[in-house]
Amino acid sequence: KSMTTGKRKIGGGEIQYTAVDESKKARKIRSNGEDSLQSLVEAAKGQDLKFIFVGGKGGVGKTTSSSAIATLLATTCNKRVLLVSTDPAHSLGDAWRTTFSNAPSSPMKNLDVMELN
């Protein structure tokens, strides 16, 4: 497995993301504005990209960013996306204005969401 990592500044903080590529060659996902989203979509449209991890310090927008990325990929790439949060605060439910659990639920086409305990 190859891993591509990057960082993105949002507000006063920074979001780090990692894309795991199952093929021998890693795909670079740039982290500068529009290029980063386009690169992410292009990588996701391929067959090798399997995981994207979003991490960073508290309050930098991880929940918002991961929800936006998951929604973008589910709609643009027409592939099934699973958005999983391991945050004990369960902020995905707050962001989506619903309640999620350990079982996947689908708030929209091609997107399943889980909040692990």
N, C-alpha and C. Protein backbone atom coordinates (compact mmCIF):
# COMPACT_ATOMS: atom_id res chain seq x y z
N LYS A 1 0.83 -1.18 0.00
CA LYS A 1 0.00 0.00 0.00
C LYS A 1 0.87 1.24 0.00
N SER A 2 0.46 2.21 -0.73
CA SER A 2 1.13 3.50 -0.75
C SER A 2 0.25 4.51 -0.04
N MET A 3 0.86 5.49 0.60
CA MET A 3 0.09 6.52 1.29
C MET A 3 0.53 7.88 0.82
N THR A 4 -0.44 8.74 0.58
CA THR A 4 -0.17 10.13 0.23
C THR A 4 -0.75 10.99 1.35
N THR A 5 0.05 11.90 1.85
CA THR A 5 -0.44 12.75 2.93
C THR A 5 -0.35 14.20 2.51
N GLY A 6 -1.11 15.02 3.15
CA GLY A 6 -1.08 16.44 2.87
C GLY A 6 -1.64 17.21 4.04
N LYS A 7 -1.53 18.51 3.98
CA LYS A 7 -2.05 19.39 5.01
C LYS A 7 -2.80 20.52 4.34
N ARG A 8 -3.82 21.02 5.01
CA ARG A 8 -4.57 22.14 4.47
C ARG A 8 -4.89 23.10 5.60
N LYS A 9 -4.59 24.37 5.41
CA LYS A 9 -4.87 25.37 6.44
C LYS A 9 -6.32 25.81 6.33
N ILE A 10 -6.99 25.79 7.47
CA ILE A 10 -8.37 26.27 7.54
C ILE A 10 -8.45 27.11 8.80
N GLY A 11 -8.78 28.35 8.66
CA GLY A 11 -8.81 29.24 9.81
C GLY A 11 -7.43 29.32 10.43
N GLY A 12 -7.36 29.17 11.74
CA GLY A 12 -6.08 29.22 12.43
C GLY A 12 -5.43 27.86 12.55
N GLY A 13 -6.10 26.81 12.07
CA GLY A 13 -5.57 25.46 12.21
C GLY A 13 -5.19 24.85 10.89
N GLU A 14 -4.99 23.57 10.91
CA GLU A 14 -4.53 22.88 9.72
C GLU A 14 -5.18 21.50 9.68
N ILE A 15 -5.63 21.08 8.52
CA ILE A 15 -6.22 19.75 8.35
C ILE A 15 -5.19 18.89 7.64
N GLN A 16 -4.97 17.71 8.14
CA GLN A 16 -4.10 16.75 7.47
C GLN A 16 -4.98 15.67 6.88
N TYR A 17 -4.65 15.23 5.68
CA TYR A 17 -5.41 14.14 5.09
C TYR A 17 -4.43 13.13 4.52
N THR A 18 -4.86 11.90 4.48
CA THR A 18 -4.05 10.83 3.94
C THR A 18 -4.91 10.03 2.98
N ALA A 19 -4.43 9.81 1.79
CA ALA A 19 -5.12 8.96 0.83
C ALA A 19 -4.30 7.69 0.67
N VAL A 20 -4.93 6.55 0.87
CA VAL A 20 -4.25 5.27 0.75
C VAL A 20 -4.55 4.70 -0.62
N ASP A 21 -3.52 4.38 -1.35
CA ASP A 21 -3.64 3.87 -2.71
C ASP A 21 -3.21 2.41 -2.70
N GLU A 22 -4.08 1.51 -3.14
CA GLU A 22 -3.79 0.08 -3.11
C GLU A 22 -2.77 -0.34 -4.19
N SER A 23 -2.54 0.48 -5.20
CA SER A 23 -1.58 0.12 -6.23
C SER A 23 -0.17 0.45 -5.76
N LYS A 24 0.80 0.10 -6.55
CA LYS A 24 2.20 0.35 -6.20
C LYS A 24 2.56 1.82 -6.29
N LYS A 25 1.84 2.59 -7.10
CA LYS A 25 2.18 4.00 -7.25
C LYS A 25 1.23 4.88 -6.45
N ALA A 26 1.78 5.77 -5.68
CA ALA A 26 0.97 6.68 -4.86
C ALA A 26 0.44 7.81 -5.74
N ARG A 27 -0.75 8.26 -5.45
CA ARG A 27 -1.31 9.41 -6.15
C ARG A 27 -1.15 10.63 -5.27
N LYS A 28 -0.56 11.65 -5.82
CA LYS A 28 -0.36 12.89 -5.07
C LYS A 28 -1.65 13.67 -5.06
N ILE A 29 -2.10 14.02 -3.87
CA ILE A 29 -3.27 14.87 -3.74
C ILE A 29 -2.78 16.20 -3.21
N ARG A 30 -2.78 17.20 -4.09
CA ARG A 30 -2.24 18.50 -3.71
C ARG A 30 -3.13 19.17 -2.69
N SER A 31 -2.55 20.07 -1.94
CA SER A 31 -3.32 20.70 -0.86
C SER A 31 -3.38 22.22 -1.03
N ASN A 32 -3.55 22.68 -2.25
CA ASN A 32 -3.63 24.14 -2.45
C ASN A 32 -4.93 24.51 -3.16
N GLY A 33 -5.94 24.83 -2.37
CA GLY A 33 -7.19 25.35 -2.89
C GLY A 33 -7.94 24.41 -3.80
N GLU A 34 -8.40 24.93 -4.94
CA GLU A 34 -9.21 24.15 -5.88
C GLU A 34 -8.47 22.93 -6.40
N ASP A 35 -7.15 23.04 -6.57
CA ASP A 35 -6.38 21.91 -7.07
C ASP A 35 -6.53 20.70 -6.16
N SER A 36 -6.61 20.94 -4.85
CA SER A 36 -6.70 19.82 -3.93
C SER A 36 -8.01 19.06 -4.12
N LEU A 37 -9.12 19.76 -4.30
CA LEU A 37 -10.40 19.08 -4.52
C LEU A 37 -10.42 18.36 -5.85
N GLN A 38 -9.92 18.99 -6.89
CA GLN A 38 -9.90 18.35 -8.20
C GLN A 38 -9.00 17.12 -8.18
N SER A 39 -7.84 17.20 -7.54
CA SER A 39 -6.94 16.06 -7.44
C SER A 39 -7.58 14.92 -6.65
N LEU A 40 -8.30 15.28 -5.61
CA LEU A 40 -8.98 14.29 -4.79
C LEU A 40 -10.06 13.57 -5.59
N VAL A 41 -10.85 14.32 -6.33
CA VAL A 41 -11.90 13.73 -7.17
C VAL A 41 -11.29 12.83 -8.23
N GLU A 42 -10.23 13.28 -8.89
CA GLU A 42 -9.58 12.48 -9.92
C GLU A 42 -9.03 11.18 -9.33
N ALA A 43 -8.41 11.25 -8.16
CA ALA A 43 -7.88 10.05 -7.51
C ALA A 43 -9.01 9.10 -7.13
N ALA A 44 -10.12 9.64 -6.66
CA ALA A 44 -11.25 8.81 -6.23
C ALA A 44 -11.96 8.15 -7.41
N LYS A 45 -11.92 8.78 -8.58
CA LYS A 45 -12.58 8.20 -9.75
C LYS A 45 -11.86 6.95 -10.23
N GLY A 46 -10.59 6.80 -9.89
CA GLY A 46 -9.83 5.60 -10.25
C GLY A 46 -10.27 4.42 -9.40
N GLN A 47 -9.67 3.29 -9.64
CA GLN A 47 -10.04 2.07 -8.93
C GLN A 47 -9.18 1.79 -7.71
N ASP A 48 -8.05 2.49 -7.56
CA ASP A 48 -7.09 2.13 -6.52
C ASP A 48 -7.28 2.85 -5.19
N LEU A 49 -7.85 4.03 -5.18
CA LEU A 49 -8.00 4.80 -3.95
C LEU A 49 -9.08 4.17 -3.08
N LYS A 50 -8.71 3.80 -1.86
CA LYS A 50 -9.65 3.09 -0.99
C LYS A 50 -10.01 3.88 0.27
N PHE A 51 -9.09 4.64 0.83
CA PHE A 51 -9.32 5.33 2.10
C PHE A 51 -8.82 6.76 2.05
N ILE A 52 -9.53 7.63 2.75
CA ILE A 52 -9.08 9.00 2.98
C ILE A 52 -9.26 9.25 4.47
N PHE A 53 -8.20 9.65 5.15
CA PHE A 53 -8.26 9.95 6.57
C PHE A 53 -8.12 11.45 6.76
N VAL A 54 -8.99 12.03 7.57
CA VAL A 54 -8.92 13.46 7.88
C VAL A 54 -8.62 13.58 9.36
N GLY A 55 -7.57 14.30 9.70
CA GLY A 55 -7.19 14.46 11.11
C GLY A 55 -6.66 15.86 11.35
N GLY A 56 -6.50 16.21 12.60
CA GLY A 56 -5.95 17.51 12.95
C GLY A 56 -6.33 17.87 14.37
N LYS A 57 -5.93 19.04 14.80
CA LYS A 57 -6.24 19.52 16.14
C LYS A 57 -7.73 19.80 16.28
N GLY A 58 -8.18 19.93 17.51
CA GLY A 58 -9.59 20.21 17.77
C GLY A 58 -10.01 21.57 17.25
N GLY A 59 -11.19 21.62 16.65
CA GLY A 59 -11.76 22.89 16.23
C GLY A 59 -11.29 23.42 14.89
N VAL A 60 -10.59 22.59 14.09
CA VAL A 60 -10.09 23.09 12.80
C VAL A 60 -11.01 22.74 11.62
N GLY A 61 -12.08 22.00 11.87
CA GLY A 61 -13.02 21.71 10.80
C GLY A 61 -12.95 20.31 10.23
N LYS A 62 -12.47 19.35 11.01
CA LYS A 62 -12.37 17.98 10.51
C LYS A 62 -13.74 17.40 10.15
N THR A 63 -14.72 17.61 11.01
CA THR A 63 -16.07 17.07 10.76
C THR A 63 -16.67 17.71 9.52
N THR A 64 -16.58 19.02 9.42
CA THR A 64 -17.11 19.73 8.26
C THR A 64 -16.40 19.31 6.99
N SER A 65 -15.07 19.25 7.03
CA SER A 65 -14.30 18.88 5.85
C SER A 65 -14.57 17.44 5.42
N SER A 66 -14.58 16.52 6.38
CA SER A 66 -14.80 15.12 6.01
C SER A 66 -16.22 14.91 5.48
N SER A 67 -17.20 15.62 6.02
CA SER A 67 -18.57 15.53 5.51
C SER A 67 -18.65 16.09 4.09
N ALA A 68 -17.98 17.21 3.86
CA ALA A 68 -17.97 17.82 2.52
C ALA A 68 -17.26 16.92 1.51
N ILE A 69 -16.13 16.35 1.91
CA ILE A 69 -15.39 15.45 1.01
C ILE A 69 -16.23 14.22 0.69
N ALA A 70 -16.85 13.63 1.71
CA ALA A 70 -17.68 12.44 1.49
C ALA A 70 -18.85 12.75 0.56
N THR A 71 -19.51 13.89 0.77
CA THR A 71 -20.62 14.29 -0.08
C THR A 71 -20.16 14.53 -1.51
N LEU A 72 -19.04 15.22 -1.66
CA LEU A 72 -18.48 15.49 -2.99
C LEU A 72 -18.18 14.19 -3.74
N LEU A 73 -17.53 13.25 -3.07
CA LEU A 73 -17.16 12.00 -3.73
C LEU A 73 -18.38 11.13 -4.04
N ALA A 74 -19.36 11.13 -3.14
CA ALA A 74 -20.57 10.34 -3.37
C ALA A 74 -21.36 10.86 -4.57
N THR A 75 -21.38 12.18 -4.74
CA THR A 75 -22.16 12.76 -5.84
C THR A 75 -21.37 12.85 -7.13
N THR A 76 -20.11 13.26 -7.05
CA THR A 76 -19.31 13.49 -8.26
C THR A 76 -18.78 12.20 -8.88
N CYS A 77 -18.34 11.27 -8.04
CA CYS A 77 -17.73 10.04 -8.55
C CYS A 77 -18.73 8.92 -8.74
N ASN A 78 -19.95 9.11 -8.24
CA ASN A 78 -20.98 8.09 -8.32
C ASN A 78 -20.50 6.75 -7.78
N LYS A 79 -19.77 6.81 -6.65
CA LYS A 79 -19.31 5.61 -5.97
C LYS A 79 -19.84 5.63 -4.55
N ARG A 80 -19.97 4.45 -3.97
CA ARG A 80 -20.42 4.39 -2.58
C ARG A 80 -19.30 4.85 -1.66
N VAL A 81 -19.66 5.68 -0.69
CA VAL A 81 -18.71 6.25 0.26
C VAL A 81 -19.20 5.92 1.67
N LEU A 82 -18.27 5.52 2.52
CA LEU A 82 -18.58 5.30 3.93
C LEU A 82 -17.81 6.33 4.75
N LEU A 83 -18.54 7.18 5.45
CA LEU A 83 -17.97 8.21 6.32
C LEU A 83 -18.05 7.69 7.75
N VAL A 84 -16.90 7.53 8.41
CA VAL A 84 -16.85 6.97 9.76
C VAL A 84 -16.18 7.97 10.69
N SER A 85 -16.80 8.21 11.84
CA SER A 85 -16.20 9.05 12.87
C SER A 85 -15.89 8.20 14.09
N THR A 86 -14.70 8.40 14.64
CA THR A 86 -14.32 7.74 15.89
C THR A 86 -14.32 8.72 17.05
N ASP A 87 -14.78 9.93 16.81
CA ASP A 87 -14.83 10.97 17.84
C ASP A 87 -15.92 10.65 18.86
N PRO A 88 -15.57 10.53 20.13
CA PRO A 88 -16.59 10.22 21.15
C PRO A 88 -17.66 11.30 21.27
N ALA A 89 -17.40 12.51 20.81
CA ALA A 89 -18.37 13.60 20.89
C ALA A 89 -19.50 13.46 19.86
N HIS A 90 -19.35 12.56 18.90
CA HIS A 90 -20.36 12.32 17.87
C HIS A 90 -20.80 13.60 17.17
N SER A 91 -19.86 14.36 16.67
CA SER A 91 -20.21 15.62 16.02
C SER A 91 -20.71 15.45 14.59
N LEU A 92 -20.55 14.26 13.98
CA LEU A 92 -21.14 14.06 12.65
C LEU A 92 -22.66 14.20 12.71
N GLY A 93 -23.25 13.64 13.75
CA GLY A 93 -24.70 13.76 13.92
C GLY A 93 -25.13 15.21 14.02
N ASP A 94 -24.34 16.01 14.74
CA ASP A 94 -24.63 17.44 14.84
C ASP A 94 -24.53 18.12 13.48
N ALA A 95 -23.50 17.79 12.73
CA ALA A 95 -23.29 18.42 11.42
C ALA A 95 -24.40 18.06 10.44
N TRP A 96 -24.90 16.84 10.52
CA TRP A 96 -25.94 16.38 9.61
C TRP A 96 -27.35 16.55 10.19
N ARG A 97 -27.42 17.06 11.42
CA ARG A 97 -28.70 17.28 12.11
C ARG A 97 -29.55 16.01 12.19
N THR A 98 -28.86 14.92 12.57
CA THR A 98 -29.52 13.63 12.75
C THR A 98 -28.72 12.81 13.74
N THR A 99 -29.11 11.59 13.97
CA THR A 99 -28.38 10.71 14.87
C THR A 99 -27.83 9.54 14.09
N PHE A 100 -26.54 9.27 14.26
CA PHE A 100 -25.91 8.11 13.64
C PHE A 100 -25.50 7.13 14.73
N SER A 101 -25.24 5.88 14.36
CA SER A 101 -24.84 4.87 15.33
C SER A 101 -23.71 4.02 14.76
N ASN A 102 -23.47 2.87 15.42
CA ASN A 102 -22.43 1.94 14.94
C ASN A 102 -22.83 1.25 13.64
N ALA A 103 -24.10 1.30 13.31
CA ALA A 103 -24.58 0.70 12.06
C ALA A 103 -24.66 1.79 10.99
N PRO A 104 -24.21 1.48 9.78
CA PRO A 104 -24.27 2.49 8.71
C PRO A 104 -25.71 2.93 8.42
N SER A 105 -25.89 4.23 8.25
CA SER A 105 -27.18 4.75 7.78
C SER A 105 -26.90 5.69 6.61
N SER A 106 -27.87 5.83 5.74
CA SER A 106 -27.65 6.54 4.48
C SER A 106 -28.45 7.84 4.42
N PRO A 107 -27.78 8.98 4.66
CA PRO A 107 -28.49 10.26 4.57
C PRO A 107 -28.72 10.73 3.13
N MET A 108 -28.01 10.11 2.18
CA MET A 108 -28.16 10.47 0.77
C MET A 108 -27.65 9.33 -0.10
N LYS A 109 -27.93 9.38 -1.38
CA LYS A 109 -27.49 8.34 -2.32
C LYS A 109 -25.97 8.20 -2.30
N ASN A 110 -25.51 6.97 -2.28
CA ASN A 110 -24.08 6.61 -2.32
C ASN A 110 -23.29 6.98 -1.07
N LEU A 111 -23.95 7.40 0.00
CA LEU A 111 -23.24 7.79 1.21
C LEU A 111 -23.84 7.09 2.43
N ASP A 112 -22.99 6.38 3.16
CA ASP A 112 -23.35 5.79 4.44
C ASP A 112 -22.49 6.43 5.51
N VAL A 113 -23.08 6.64 6.69
CA VAL A 113 -22.39 7.32 7.80
C VAL A 113 -22.48 6.46 9.05
N MET A 114 -21.37 6.40 9.80
CA MET A 114 -21.33 5.67 11.08
C MET A 114 -20.57 6.51 12.10
N GLU A 115 -21.00 6.43 13.35
CA GLU A 115 -20.26 7.00 14.46
C GLU A 115 -19.94 5.86 15.42
N LEU A 116 -18.66 5.52 15.52
CA LEU A 116 -18.25 4.41 16.36
C LEU A 116 -18.14 4.85 17.81
N ASN A 117 -18.50 3.98 18.71
CA ASN A 117 -18.37 4.25 20.14
C ASN A 117 -17.03 3.76 20.65
